Amino acid sequence: MQHIPGYLDITTGDFREVYEFAHRHAADRLLGGLRADRLMRTGVEPLPPGMMLDAAARKIVESGGKSLPVVDEDGRVIGVLTETDFLRRLNAGTFLELLLRMVADSCEVSHRCHETPVREAMTAPAVTVRPQAGFRQIIAAFRSHAGRSMPVVDDDGRLAGMLLRKDFLEALDRGAHR
């Protein structure tokens, strides 16, 4: 600005608009290569909607994650089963609340997970993104739900992989330090 002879006559609103445009352009340039298909985890074993919750809990634990997608017989994602879904079924807001209640009740749980199918507890519909989803689409999808992951689906709604919030944030951090 020092090198411009004379005065620049712009309003605060004009400056804010120029700044926001420049910021958006810089972010798109810096993070333009960030796509769901480059970040997603593949080989995820989804849950069938008729599986009982106790078996589904074991599958989630075995996966090392906090949730798994639920797919119909055609492989289309119809929901996601999360730890939060289990807490909700057990009328607990947090794991610690559940733990304290279990200790107070001699570790008794009244919910019968072995009699409840996944379809009755899952979050549906699932928030999903397509493999070609970029930075802005992924951010919007994560903002639209409180989950830590989301399924990546093809054009027919079939599972392609899972995008974990922590993997996305790690990629953002790497992109910012290029």
Protein backbone atom coordinates (compact mmCIF):
# COMPACT_ATOMS: atom_id res chain seq x y z
CA MET A 1 0.00 0.00 0.00
CA GLN A 2 2.94 2.34 0.67
CA HIS A 3 3.89 2.15 -2.99
CA ILE A 4 0.54 3.44 -4.28
CA PRO A 5 0.75 7.17 -4.92
CA GLY A 6 -2.08 9.17 -3.42
CA TYR A 7 -4.90 7.78 -1.39
CA LEU A 8 -6.96 4.67 -1.65
CA ASP A 9 -10.61 5.30 -0.98
CA ILE A 10 -12.24 2.08 0.18
CA THR A 11 -14.71 1.49 2.91
CA THR A 12 -14.28 -0.94 5.76
CA GLY A 13 -16.85 -3.14 4.05
CA ASP A 14 -14.84 -3.06 0.80
CA PHE A 15 -11.67 -3.99 2.67
CA ARG A 16 -13.44 -6.84 4.47
CA GLU A 17 -14.75 -8.17 1.14
CA VAL A 18 -11.28 -8.02 -0.47
CA TYR A 19 -9.73 -9.71 2.58
CA GLU A 20 -12.35 -12.51 2.62
CA PHE A 21 -11.86 -13.10 -1.12
CA ALA A 22 -8.06 -13.25 -0.71
CA HIS A 23 -8.36 -15.58 2.30
CA ARG A 24 -10.75 -17.92 0.46
CA HIS A 25 -8.44 -17.96 -2.57
CA ALA A 26 -5.36 -18.73 -0.43
CA ALA A 27 -7.15 -21.53 1.44
CA ASP A 28 -8.38 -23.07 -1.82
CA ARG A 29 -4.88 -22.91 -3.29
CA LEU A 30 -3.28 -24.36 -0.16
CA LEU A 31 -5.87 -27.07 0.47
CA GLY A 32 -7.14 -27.70 -3.06
CA GLY A 33 -5.67 -31.20 -3.16
CA LEU A 34 -7.50 -32.26 -0.01
CA ARG A 35 -10.13 -34.75 -1.15
CA ALA A 36 -12.13 -37.41 0.64
CA ASP A 37 -10.79 -40.24 -1.54
CA ARG A 38 -7.22 -39.35 -0.56
CA LEU A 39 -8.01 -39.27 3.16
CA MET A 40 -10.60 -42.01 3.62
CA ARG A 41 -9.90 -45.35 5.21
CA THR A 42 -10.82 -48.27 3.01
CA GLY A 43 -11.58 -51.88 3.88
CA VAL A 44 -14.12 -50.84 6.51
CA GLU A 45 -16.47 -53.68 7.38
CA PRO A 46 -19.97 -52.20 7.67
CA LEU A 47 -22.74 -53.45 9.90
CA PRO A 48 -25.98 -55.00 8.69
CA PRO A 49 -29.13 -53.37 10.12
CA GLY A 50 -30.35 -56.64 11.64
CA MET A 51 -27.20 -57.35 13.66
CA MET A 52 -27.73 -57.21 17.42
CA LEU A 53 -26.11 -54.34 19.30
CA ASP A 54 -23.83 -56.53 21.41
CA ALA A 55 -22.28 -58.06 18.27
CA ALA A 56 -22.09 -54.62 16.64
CA ALA A 57 -20.27 -53.25 19.70
CA ARG A 58 -17.67 -56.00 19.33
CA LYS A 59 -17.22 -55.12 15.63
CA ILE A 60 -16.73 -51.45 16.45
CA VAL A 61 -14.15 -52.28 19.10
CA GLU A 62 -12.34 -54.65 16.69
CA SER A 63 -12.27 -51.90 14.04
CA GLY A 64 -10.37 -49.62 16.40
CA GLY A 65 -12.83 -46.82 15.72
CA LYS A 66 -15.76 -45.20 17.45
CA SER A 67 -18.40 -45.99 14.82
CA LEU A 68 -19.20 -48.09 11.77
CA PRO A 69 -21.50 -47.49 8.82
CA VAL A 70 -24.68 -49.51 8.47
CA VAL A 71 -25.49 -50.76 4.96
CA ASP A 72 -28.52 -52.41 3.40
CA GLU A 73 -28.37 -55.65 1.40
CA ASP A 74 -27.26 -53.67 -1.70
CA GLY A 75 -24.32 -52.10 0.15
CA ARG A 76 -25.93 -48.66 0.36
CA VAL A 77 -25.23 -46.68 3.51
CA ILE A 78 -28.43 -46.24 5.52
CA GLY A 79 -26.96 -45.08 8.82
CA VAL A 80 -24.04 -45.05 11.21
CA LEU A 81 -23.79 -46.75 14.60
CA THR A 82 -21.68 -44.76 17.05
CA GLU A 83 -20.62 -44.91 20.67
CA THR A 84 -23.00 -42.03 21.25
CA ASP A 85 -25.87 -44.17 19.95
CA PHE A 86 -25.03 -46.76 22.62
CA LEU A 87 -24.92 -44.07 25.32
CA ARG A 88 -28.28 -42.75 24.16
CA ARG A 89 -29.80 -46.27 24.38
CA LEU A 90 -28.41 -46.55 27.91
CA ASN A 91 -29.79 -43.10 28.86
CA ALA A 92 -26.34 -41.67 29.54
CA GLY A 93 -24.88 -38.43 28.22
CA THR A 94 -21.25 -39.48 28.64
CA PHE A 95 -19.22 -42.59 29.29
CA LEU A 96 -18.31 -41.31 32.77
CA GLU A 97 -21.98 -40.80 33.61
CA LEU A 98 -22.67 -44.40 32.55
CA LEU A 99 -19.70 -45.65 34.56
CA LEU A 100 -20.81 -43.83 37.72
CA ARG A 101 -24.33 -45.18 37.34
CA MET A 102 -23.02 -48.71 36.84
CA VAL A 103 -20.83 -48.46 39.95
CA ALA A 104 -23.80 -47.20 41.96
CA ASP A 105 -25.98 -50.06 40.64
CA SER A 106 -23.35 -52.81 41.09
CA CYS A 107 -22.53 -52.78 37.34
CA GLU A 108 -26.10 -53.64 36.38
CA VAL A 109 -27.26 -52.55 32.93
CA SER A 110 -30.94 -52.89 32.20
CA HIS A 111 -30.69 -52.46 28.42
CA ARG A 112 -30.71 -55.76 26.55
CA CYS A 113 -28.21 -55.16 23.72
CA HIS A 114 -28.39 -58.78 22.63
CA GLU A 115 -32.08 -58.27 21.79
CA THR A 116 -31.86 -54.91 20.00
CA PRO A 117 -30.98 -54.71 16.29
CA VAL A 118 -28.64 -52.03 14.95
CA ARG A 119 -31.47 -50.42 12.92
CA GLU A 120 -33.19 -49.38 16.17
CA ALA A 121 -30.16 -47.57 17.57
CA MET A 122 -28.24 -46.23 14.55
CA THR A 123 -28.10 -42.60 13.53
CA ALA A 124 -30.00 -42.25 10.27
CA PRO A 125 -29.74 -40.95 7.73
CA ALA A 126 -25.96 -40.86 7.75
CA VAL A 127 -24.13 -37.68 6.79
CA THR A 128 -21.94 -38.75 3.88
CA VAL A 129 -19.58 -37.27 1.31
CA ARG A 130 -18.57 -38.40 -2.16
CA PRO A 131 -14.96 -39.49 -2.89
CA GLN A 132 -14.32 -36.31 -4.90
CA ALA A 133 -15.51 -34.04 -2.06
CA GLY A 134 -13.02 -31.28 -1.42
CA PHE A 135 -12.03 -29.18 1.55
CA ARG A 136 -15.16 -27.01 1.72
CA GLN A 137 -17.58 -29.94 1.26
CA ILE A 138 -15.83 -32.00 3.93
CA ILE A 139 -15.86 -29.08 6.39
CA ALA A 140 -19.56 -28.49 5.74
CA ALA A 141 -20.34 -32.18 6.28
CA PHE A 142 -18.42 -32.35 9.57
CA ARG A 143 -20.12 -29.15 10.75
CA SER A 144 -23.55 -30.65 10.06
CA HIS A 145 -23.16 -33.40 12.67
CA ALA A 146 -21.32 -34.02 15.90
CA GLY A 147 -19.77 -37.31 14.80
CA ARG A 148 -16.08 -38.10 14.56
CA SER A 149 -16.37 -39.89 11.23
CA MET A 150 -18.54 -40.18 8.18
CA PRO A 151 -18.98 -42.64 5.35
CA VAL A 152 -17.65 -41.84 1.91
CA VAL A 153 -20.11 -43.14 -0.68
CA ASP A 154 -20.15 -43.52 -4.44
CA ASP A 155 -22.83 -42.01 -6.68
CA ASP A 156 -25.16 -44.93 -5.86
CA GLY A 157 -24.77 -44.47 -2.09
CA ARG A 158 -22.54 -47.54 -1.68
CA LEU A 159 -19.76 -47.47 0.88
CA ALA A 160 -16.33 -46.52 -0.48
CA GLY A 161 -14.61 -45.82 2.84
CA MET A 162 -14.71 -43.86 6.09
CA LEU A 163 -13.39 -40.38 6.65
CA LEU A 164 -12.26 -39.78 10.23
CA ARG A 165 -12.24 -36.27 11.62
CA LYS A 166 -8.79 -36.84 13.13
CA ASP A 167 -7.35 -37.87 9.72
CA PHE A 168 -8.90 -34.78 8.12
CA LEU A 169 -7.49 -32.48 10.82
CA GLU A 170 -4.06 -34.09 10.49
CA ALA A 171 -4.14 -33.50 6.73
CA LEU A 172 -5.16 -29.88 7.32
CA ASP A 173 -2.21 -29.45 9.66
CA ARG A 174 0.18 -30.98 7.09
CA GLY A 175 -1.28 -28.74 4.38
CA ALA A 176 -0.78 -25.65 6.51
CA HIS A 177 2.90 -26.52 7.05
CA ARG A 178 3.87 -27.11 3.42
